[in-house]
C-alpha atoms as a PDB file:
ATOM      1  CA  MET A   1      48.070 -20.848  -3.692  1.00  0.00           C
ATOM      2  CA  ARG A   2      44.700 -21.416  -4.516  1.00  0.00           C
ATOM      3  CA  ALA A   3      42.201 -20.132  -7.299  1.00  0.00           C
ATOM      4  CA  VAL A   4      38.480 -20.895  -8.307  1.00  0.00           C
ATOM      5  CA  LEU A   5      38.174 -19.481 -11.941  1.00  0.00           C
ATOM      6  CA  GLN A   6      34.759 -18.478 -13.137  1.00  0.00           C
ATOM      7  CA  ARG A   7      34.353 -17.953 -17.225  1.00  0.00           C
ATOM      8  CA  VAL A   8      32.454 -14.703 -17.228  1.00  0.00           C
ATOM      9  CA  ALA A   9      30.183 -13.364 -20.040  1.00  0.00           C
ATOM     10  CA  GLU A  10      30.914  -9.829 -17.598  1.00  0.00           C
ATOM     11  CA  ALA A  11      31.925  -9.638 -14.241  1.00  0.00           C
ATOM     12  CA  SER A  12      32.260  -6.476 -11.239  1.00  0.00           C
ATOM     13  CA  VAL A  13      33.028  -5.889  -7.940  1.00  0.00           C
ATOM     14  CA  GLU A  14      32.201  -2.747  -5.510  1.00  0.00           C
ATOM     15  CA  VAL A  15      33.557  -1.126  -2.709  1.00  0.00           C
ATOM     16  CA  ASP A  16      31.052   0.939  -0.341  1.00  0.00           C
ATOM     17  CA  GLY A  17      28.546   0.841  -3.477  1.00  0.00           C
ATOM     18  CA  ARG A  18      31.463   2.105  -5.865  1.00  0.00           C
ATOM     19  CA  VAL A  19      32.498   0.240  -9.014  1.00  0.00           C
ATOM     20  CA  VAL A  20      36.250  -0.417  -8.495  1.00  0.00           C
ATOM     21  CA  GLY A  21      36.342  -3.352 -11.147  1.00  0.00           C
ATOM     22  CA  GLN A  22      34.927  -4.484 -13.639  1.00  0.00           C
ATOM     23  CA  ILE A  23      35.659  -6.760 -16.918  1.00  0.00           C
ATOM     24  CA  GLY A  24      33.988  -7.563 -20.459  1.00  0.00           C
ATOM     25  CA  PRO A  25      34.265 -11.366 -21.982  1.00  0.00           C
ATOM     26  CA  GLY A  26      36.855 -13.286 -19.398  1.00  0.00           C
ATOM     27  CA  LEU A  27      37.301 -14.492 -15.238  1.00  0.00           C
ATOM     28  CA  LEU A  28      36.580 -13.935 -12.777  1.00  0.00           C
ATOM     29  CA  VAL A  29      39.491 -15.476  -9.761  1.00  0.00           C
ATOM     30  CA  TYR A  30      39.169 -15.742  -6.319  1.00  0.00           C
ATOM     31  CA  VAL A  31      42.040 -15.845  -5.081  1.00  0.00           C
ATOM     32  CA  GLY A  32      42.958 -17.163  -2.137  1.00  0.00           C
ATOM     33  CA  VAL A  33      47.241 -17.248  -0.388  1.00  0.00           C
ATOM     34  CA  ALA A  34      47.726 -20.265   2.180  1.00  0.00           C
ATOM     35  CA  ALA A  35      50.435 -19.356   4.973  1.00  0.00           C
ATOM     36  CA  GLY A  36      54.005 -19.969   3.882  1.00  0.00           C
ATOM     37  CA  GLU A  37      53.658 -20.018   0.406  1.00  0.00           C
ATOM     38  CA  THR A  38      56.232 -17.227  -1.644  1.00  0.00           C
ATOM     39  CA  HIS A  39      56.592 -15.033  -4.691  1.00  0.00           C
ATOM     40  CA  ALA A  40      57.313 -18.313  -6.554  1.00  0.00           C
ATOM     41  CA  GLU A  41      53.734 -19.131  -6.045  1.00  0.00           C
ATOM     42  CA  ALA A  42      52.052 -16.603  -7.530  1.00  0.00           C
ATOM     43  CA  VAL A  43      53.980 -16.725 -10.587  1.00  0.00           C
ATOM     44  CA  ALA A  44      52.537 -20.092 -11.633  1.00  0.00           C
ATOM     45  CA  LEU A  45      49.205 -19.980 -10.418  1.00  0.00           C
ATOM     46  CA  ALA A  46      49.249 -16.916 -12.906  1.00  0.00           C
ATOM     47  CA  ARG A  47      51.379 -18.276 -15.296  1.00  0.00           C
ATOM     48  CA  LYS A  48      47.735 -21.465 -14.829  1.00  0.00           C
ATOM     49  CA  VAL A  49      45.221 -19.033 -14.844  1.00  0.00           C
ATOM     50  CA  ALA A  50      46.798 -16.850 -17.573  1.00  0.00           C
ATOM     51  CA  GLY A  51      47.567 -19.873 -20.525  1.00  0.00           C
ATOM     52  CA  LEU A  52      44.569 -22.991 -19.040  1.00  0.00           C
ATOM     53  CA  ARG A  53      42.603 -23.426 -22.153  1.00  0.00           C
ATOM     54  CA  ILE A  54      39.269 -23.459 -20.567  1.00  0.00           C
ATOM     55  CA  PHE A  55      37.759 -21.245 -23.756  1.00  0.00           C
ATOM     56  CA  ASP A  56      35.186 -22.702 -27.315  1.00  0.00           C
ATOM     57  CA  ASP A  57      37.334 -22.495 -29.405  1.00  0.00           C
ATOM     58  CA  PRO A  58      35.897 -21.774 -33.482  1.00  0.00           C
ATOM     59  CA  ASP A  59      34.806 -25.853 -33.073  1.00  0.00           C
ATOM     60  CA  GLY A  60      33.336 -25.716 -29.758  1.00  0.00           C
ATOM     61  CA  LYS A  61      36.083 -27.572 -28.033  1.00  0.00           C
ATOM     62  CA  LEU A  62      37.888 -25.441 -24.912  1.00  0.00           C
ATOM     63  CA  ASN A  63      41.103 -25.092 -26.301  1.00  0.00           C
ATOM     64  CA  LEU A  64      42.159 -20.856 -26.161  1.00  0.00           C
ATOM     65  CA  SER A  65      42.937 -19.571 -22.921  1.00  0.00           C
ATOM     66  CA  VAL A  66      41.758 -16.566 -21.796  1.00  0.00           C
ATOM     67  CA  GLN A  67      43.671 -14.139 -23.937  1.00  0.00           C
ATOM     68  CA  ASP A  68      43.625 -16.706 -26.689  1.00  0.00           C
ATOM     69  CA  ALA A  69      39.683 -15.638 -26.374  1.00  0.00           C
ATOM     70  CA  GLY A  70      40.568 -11.644 -26.029  1.00  0.00           C
ATOM     71  CA  GLY A  71      39.348 -11.464 -22.646  1.00  0.00           C
ATOM     72  CA  ALA A  72      40.282 -10.434 -19.520  1.00  0.00           C
ATOM     73  CA  ILE A  73      40.672 -11.232 -15.411  1.00  0.00           C
ATOM     74  CA  LEU A  74      39.630  -9.664 -12.157  1.00  0.00           C
ATOM     75  CA  VAL A  75      41.125 -11.242  -9.882  1.00  0.00           C
ATOM     76  CA  VAL A  76      39.581 -11.003  -6.221  1.00  0.00           C
ATOM     77  CA  PRO A  77      41.148 -12.088  -3.189  1.00  0.00           C
ATOM     78  CA  ASN A  78      39.782 -14.355  -0.736  1.00  0.00           C
ATOM     79  CA  PHE A  79      41.171 -15.658   2.474  1.00  0.00           C
ATOM     80  CA  THR A  80      37.760 -18.768   2.566  1.00  0.00           C
ATOM     81  CA  LEU A  81      38.771 -20.211   0.139  1.00  0.00           C
ATOM     82  CA  GLN A  82      41.706 -21.552   2.515  1.00  0.00           C
ATOM     83  CA  ALA A  83      39.189 -22.607   4.767  1.00  0.00           C
ATOM     84  CA  ASP A  84      39.883 -26.123   6.489  1.00  0.00           C
ATOM     85  CA  THR A  85      36.335 -28.022   6.684  1.00  0.00           C
ATOM     86  CA  ARG A  86      37.238 -31.820   8.096  1.00  0.00           C
ATOM     87  CA  LYS A  87      36.038 -31.418  11.566  1.00  0.00           C
ATOM     88  CA  GLY A  88      32.705 -29.634  12.841  1.00  0.00           C
ATOM     89  CA  ARG A  89      30.297 -26.476  11.025  1.00  0.00           C
ATOM     90  CA  ARG A  90      32.149 -23.553  11.718  1.00  0.00           C
ATOM     91  CA  PRO A  91      35.735 -23.989   9.049  1.00  0.00           C
ATOM     92  CA  SER A  92      38.381 -23.377  10.201  1.00  0.00           C
ATOM     93  CA  PHE A  93      41.551 -20.072   9.132  1.00  0.00           C
ATOM     94  CA  VAL A  94      44.233 -21.731  10.341  1.00  0.00           C
ATOM     95  CA  ASN A  95      46.327 -22.536   6.621  1.00  0.00           C
ATOM     96  CA  ALA A  96      45.831 -18.992   5.486  1.00  0.00           C
ATOM     97  CA  ALA A  97      47.711 -16.956   5.147  1.00  0.00           C
ATOM     98  CA  PRO A  98      48.387 -13.702   7.532  1.00  0.00           C
ATOM     99  CA  GLY A  99      46.408 -10.411   6.132  1.00  0.00           C
ATOM    100  CA  GLN A 100      49.982  -8.297   5.023  1.00  0.00           C
ATOM    101  CA  GLN A 101      51.549 -12.042   3.437  1.00  0.00           C
ATOM    102  CA  ALA A 102      48.671 -12.284   1.890  1.00  0.00           C
ATOM    103  CA  GLU A 103      47.949  -8.588   0.659  1.00  0.00           C
ATOM    104  CA  TRP A 104      51.172  -8.904  -0.818  1.00  0.00           C
ATOM    105  CA  LEU A 105      51.159 -12.486  -2.560  1.00  0.00           C
ATOM    106  CA  THR A 106      47.574 -11.473  -3.921  1.00  0.00           C
ATOM    107  CA  ARG A 107      49.249  -8.316  -5.774  1.00  0.00           C
ATOM    108  CA  ALA A 108      52.235 -10.660  -7.254  1.00  0.00           C
ATOM    109  CA  PHE A 109      49.749 -12.087  -8.295  1.00  0.00           C
ATOM    110  CA  VAL A 110      48.029  -9.297 -10.272  1.00  0.00           C
ATOM    111  CA  ASP A 111      51.769  -8.259 -11.291  1.00  0.00           C
ATOM    112  CA  ALA A 112      52.578 -11.944 -12.669  1.00  0.00           C
ATOM    113  CA  LEU A 113      49.057 -11.942 -14.461  1.00  0.00           C
ATOM    114  CA  VAL A 114      50.366  -8.180 -16.163  1.00  0.00           C
ATOM    115  CA  ALA A 115      53.368  -9.630 -16.938  1.00  0.00           C
ATOM    116  CA  GLU A 116      52.065 -12.711 -18.848  1.00  0.00           C
ATOM    117  CA  GLY A 117      50.044  -9.839 -21.128  1.00  0.00           C
ATOM    118  CA  ALA A 118      46.602 -10.118 -19.300  1.00  0.00           C
ATOM    119  CA  GLU A 119      44.556  -7.627 -19.131  1.00  0.00           C
ATOM    120  CA  VAL A 120      43.513  -7.457 -15.000  1.00  0.00           C
ATOM    121  CA  ALA A 121      40.674  -5.709 -12.799  1.00  0.00           C
ATOM    122  CA  ARG A 122      40.491  -6.455  -9.593  1.00  0.00           C
ATOM    123  CA  GLY A 123      38.281  -5.778  -6.000  1.00  0.00           C
ATOM    124  CA  VAL A 124      40.044  -4.086  -2.538  1.00  0.00           C
ATOM    125  CA  PHE A 125      42.007  -6.960  -0.611  1.00  0.00           C
ATOM    126  CA  GLY A 126      40.182  -6.969   3.478  1.00  0.00           C
ATOM    127  CA  ALA A 127      37.174  -5.846   2.449  1.00  0.00           C
ATOM    128  CA  ASP A 128      34.121  -6.119   1.920  1.00  0.00           C
ATOM    129  CA  MET A 129      33.499  -6.554  -1.418  1.00  0.00           C
ATOM    130  CA  THR A 130      29.711  -6.658  -3.865  1.00  0.00           C
ATOM    131  CA  ILE A 131      30.776  -8.938  -6.278  1.00  0.00           C
ATOM    132  CA  ARG A 132      28.461  -9.154  -9.302  1.00  0.00           C
ATOM    133  CA  SER A 133      29.194 -11.770 -12.231  1.00  0.00           C
ATOM    134  CA  VAL A 134      27.463 -13.044 -15.553  1.00  0.00           C
ATOM    135  CA  ALA A 135      28.410 -17.076 -15.571  1.00  0.00           C
ATOM    136  CA  ARG A 136      28.965 -18.738 -19.288  1.00  0.00           C
ATOM    137  CA  GLY A 137      29.350 -21.997 -19.875  1.00  0.00           C
ATOM    138  CA  PRO A 138      29.031 -22.479 -16.410  1.00  0.00           C
ATOM    139  CA  VAL A 139      32.574 -23.296 -16.472  1.00  0.00           C
ATOM    140  CA  ASN A 140      34.150 -23.416 -13.619  1.00  0.00           C
ATOM    141  CA  VAL A 141      38.268 -24.758 -12.561  1.00  0.00           C
ATOM    142  CA  VAL A 142      39.795 -25.282  -8.973  1.00  0.00           C
ATOM    143  CA  VAL A 143      43.816 -24.318  -9.223  1.00  0.00           C
ATOM    144  CA  ASP A 144      45.985 -25.203  -6.299  1.00  0.00           C
ATOM    145  CA  ILE A 145      48.977 -25.064  -6.592  1.00  0.00           C
ATOM    146  CA  PRO A 146      50.942 -26.292  -3.256  1.00  0.00           C
ATOM    147  CA  THR A 147      53.045 -25.010  -1.077  1.00  0.00           C
ATOM    148  CA  PRO A 148      56.407 -25.428  -1.398  1.00  0.00           C
ATOM    149  CA  GLU A 149      56.589 -28.112   1.528  1.00  0.00           C
ATOM    150  CA  ALA A 150      53.501 -29.535   0.332  1.00  0.00           C
END
């Protein structure tokens, strides 16, 4: 699984002009699921995201997790994170998990974040979403959890 984390002052996601998820300070997390991934990768990614120390401590050092900083997480499913751009100019998405598997594992990722104690909002799987964010930092991090065969 792959996630792109953006530290934000606030973020929201809309579907059909209606806000379906929003947070104040915290993380906007785009999540892409690769074919062959399992529940174990979803849980491992959630643990990594929940515990990653990318928020400032009182000394200005990146030393706090999103929860330590009192933030929330907005999860946005994004199969395009699995794009292969090595050849040509059109990305290939053959590495992306099929829709049903990706939706299930994205839900498992969210459930695992909640189990870690995180406050979580989310987008709608498969929907055309409008995402708004106010970045802080900027701090953007890519987190990859390898597939079992990797």
